[in-house]
Protein backbone atom coordinates (compact mmCIF):
# COMPACT_ATOMS: atom_id res chain seq x y z
CA UNK A 1 0.00 0.00 0.00
CA UNK A 2 2.79 2.43 0.84
CA UNK A 3 4.38 1.78 -2.54
CA UNK A 4 1.04 2.44 -4.26
CA UNK A 5 0.64 5.69 -2.31
CA UNK A 6 4.14 6.94 -3.09
CA UNK A 7 4.13 5.97 -6.78
CA UNK A 8 0.91 7.82 -7.61
CA UNK A 9 0.11 11.51 -7.58
CA UNK A 10 -1.00 11.21 -3.96
CA UNK A 11 0.14 13.84 -1.48
CA UNK A 12 0.49 13.13 2.22
CA UNK A 13 0.55 15.31 5.30
CA UNK A 14 0.63 13.93 8.81
CA UNK A 15 -0.01 15.52 12.18
CA UNK A 16 1.54 13.83 15.19
CA UNK A 17 0.29 14.51 18.70
CA UNK A 18 2.06 13.40 21.83
CA UNK A 19 -1.06 12.99 23.97
CA UNK A 20 0.99 12.81 27.16
CA UNK A 21 2.12 16.39 26.53
CA UNK A 22 -1.29 17.72 25.43
CA UNK A 23 -3.60 19.88 27.50
CA UNK A 24 -4.99 17.40 30.02
CA UNK A 25 -8.32 19.24 30.32
CA UNK A 26 -9.25 18.46 26.72
CA UNK A 27 -11.30 15.40 25.87
CA UNK A 28 -9.85 13.03 23.25
CA UNK A 29 -12.63 14.22 20.91
CA UNK A 30 -11.75 17.90 21.33
CA UNK A 31 -8.05 17.17 20.92
CA UNK A 32 -8.67 15.20 17.72
CA UNK A 33 -10.95 17.89 16.31
CA UNK A 34 -8.40 20.60 17.06
CA UNK A 35 -5.50 18.74 15.48
CA UNK A 36 -7.46 17.79 12.38
CA UNK A 37 -8.93 21.25 11.83
CA UNK A 38 -5.72 23.13 12.60
CA UNK A 39 -3.67 20.94 10.28
CA UNK A 40 -6.27 21.13 7.53
CA UNK A 41 -6.73 24.90 7.47
CA UNK A 42 -3.12 25.93 8.11
CA UNK A 43 -1.02 23.24 6.46
CA UNK A 44 -3.01 21.42 3.80
CA UNK A 45 -5.66 23.61 2.16
CA UNK A 46 -3.32 26.56 1.46
CA UNK A 47 -0.98 24.25 -0.50
CA UNK A 48 -3.64 22.74 -2.75
CA UNK A 49 -3.92 24.49 -6.09
CA UNK A 50 -7.60 23.92 -6.81
CA UNK A 51 -10.30 26.18 -8.17
CA UNK A 52 -12.69 24.94 -5.47
CA UNK A 53 -12.02 23.82 -1.93
CA UNK A 54 -12.03 20.00 -1.88
CA UNK A 55 -14.58 17.91 -0.02
CA UNK A 56 -13.47 16.59 3.35
CA UNK A 57 -14.45 12.99 4.01
CA UNK A 58 -14.09 10.82 7.09
CA UNK A 59 -14.98 7.29 8.12
CA UNK A 60 -18.52 7.43 9.46
CA UNK A 61 -17.91 4.32 11.53
CA UNK A 62 -15.37 6.15 13.71
CA UNK A 63 -17.76 8.60 15.40
CA UNK A 64 -21.13 8.33 17.11
CA UNK A 65 -23.97 10.53 15.84
CA UNK A 66 -23.34 13.23 18.47
CA UNK A 67 -19.56 13.19 17.96
CA UNK A 68 -20.03 13.35 14.20
CA UNK A 69 -22.18 16.46 14.60
CA UNK A 70 -19.61 18.03 16.95
CA UNK A 71 -16.81 17.26 14.47
CA UNK A 72 -18.66 18.89 11.56
CA UNK A 73 -19.55 21.93 13.66
CA UNK A 74 -15.96 22.32 14.84
CA UNK A 75 -14.58 22.24 11.27
CA UNK A 76 -17.14 24.77 10.02
CA UNK A 77 -16.57 27.05 13.02
CA UNK A 78 -12.79 26.96 12.46
CA UNK A 79 -13.31 27.91 8.81
CA UNK A 80 -15.61 30.82 9.79
CA UNK A 81 -13.11 31.97 12.43
CA UNK A 82 -10.31 32.09 9.84
CA UNK A 83 -12.56 33.94 7.40
CA UNK A 84 -13.81 36.49 9.96
CA UNK A 85 -10.25 37.31 11.01
CA UNK A 86 -9.03 37.61 7.40
CA UNK A 87 -6.50 34.81 7.76
CA UNK A 88 -8.04 32.09 5.58
CA UNK A 89 -5.51 31.17 2.89
CA UNK A 90 -7.57 28.86 0.68
CA UNK A 91 -10.07 29.70 -2.05
CA UNK A 92 -13.57 28.97 -0.78
CA UNK A 93 -15.58 28.36 2.37
CA UNK A 94 -15.46 24.76 3.55
CA UNK A 95 -18.51 22.57 3.30
CA UNK A 96 -19.49 20.20 6.08
CA UNK A 97 -17.28 17.09 6.17
CA UNK A 98 -18.95 14.09 4.54
CA UNK A 99 -19.25 10.83 6.45
CA UNK A 100 -18.46 7.97 4.11
CA UNK A 101 -18.06 4.27 4.88
CA UNK A 102 -14.38 3.36 4.73
CA UNK A 103 -15.29 0.11 2.99
CA UNK A 104 -16.10 2.08 -0.17
CA UNK A 105 -13.51 4.86 -0.11
CA UNK A 106 -9.90 4.04 -1.08
CA UNK A 107 -8.74 7.46 0.15
CA UNK A 108 -9.75 6.47 3.68
CA UNK A 109 -7.85 3.19 3.32
CA UNK A 110 -4.76 5.15 2.33
CA UNK A 111 -5.28 7.51 5.29
CA UNK A 112 -5.38 4.53 7.66
CA UNK A 113 -2.16 3.15 6.18
CA UNK A 114 -0.45 6.52 6.54
CA UNK A 115 -1.67 6.96 10.11
CA UNK A 116 -0.45 3.47 10.92
CA UNK A 117 2.99 4.22 9.47
CA UNK A 118 3.34 7.31 11.68
CA UNK A 119 1.94 5.55 14.74
CA UNK A 120 4.40 2.68 14.22
CA UNK A 121 7.28 5.15 14.06
CA UNK A 122 6.39 6.73 17.40
CA UNK A 123 4.75 3.91 19.35
CA UNK A 124 7.16 1.15 18.32
CA UNK A 125 10.19 3.28 17.50
CA UNK A 126 10.54 1.91 13.96
CA UNK A 127 10.35 4.71 11.33
CA UNK A 128 10.72 2.38 8.31
CA UNK A 129 7.18 2.84 6.98
CA UNK A 130 6.97 6.54 7.81
CA UNK A 131 10.27 7.22 6.08
CA UNK A 132 9.03 5.55 2.89
CA UNK A 133 6.28 8.19 2.75
CA UNK A 134 8.57 11.20 3.20
CA UNK A 135 9.21 12.11 -0.46
CA UNK A 136 5.49 12.77 -1.04
CA UNK A 137 4.65 14.78 2.07
CA UNK A 138 2.90 18.10 1.71
CA UNK A 139 4.54 20.78 3.73
CA UNK A 140 7.92 19.03 3.57
CA UNK A 141 7.31 16.83 6.58
CA UNK A 142 4.87 16.49 9.37
CA UNK A 143 3.61 18.66 12.14
CA UNK A 144 4.12 17.97 15.81
CA UNK A 145 1.62 18.96 18.47
CA UNK A 146 2.94 19.04 22.01
CA UNK A 147 6.22 17.42 21.11
CA UNK A 148 8.27 16.18 24.02
CA UNK A 149 10.95 18.60 25.14
């Protein structure tokens, strides 16, 4: 899968969060929403040269109904915040993320492989899979949140 990802026109960006260093008052849901939204609007969307802002999809099996609603609201609120402060650096207002079953969306399969490669690098200490993705990364690498000192 990694070879397929790196030999196509696929672009990869990863956000890594050391949860032990994160704000302990945040719920895992809030932390995940923050990292996803922050990475999307500051690192990914500004680098995509598209006439229209792309659709954001996620695996609908990963979130309950209430958490799915909270996730969509958080993304849209982040987009409105960036727009209202004049700091949005991508072409159009974001639409609500679309919940799609991962069994039918190859892009979600690739995302899981990429996430697994980064998790393996940090949880197991073996960067082999992550390093095979490096040539294709957007933003020339990956972003750390609350990296250990």
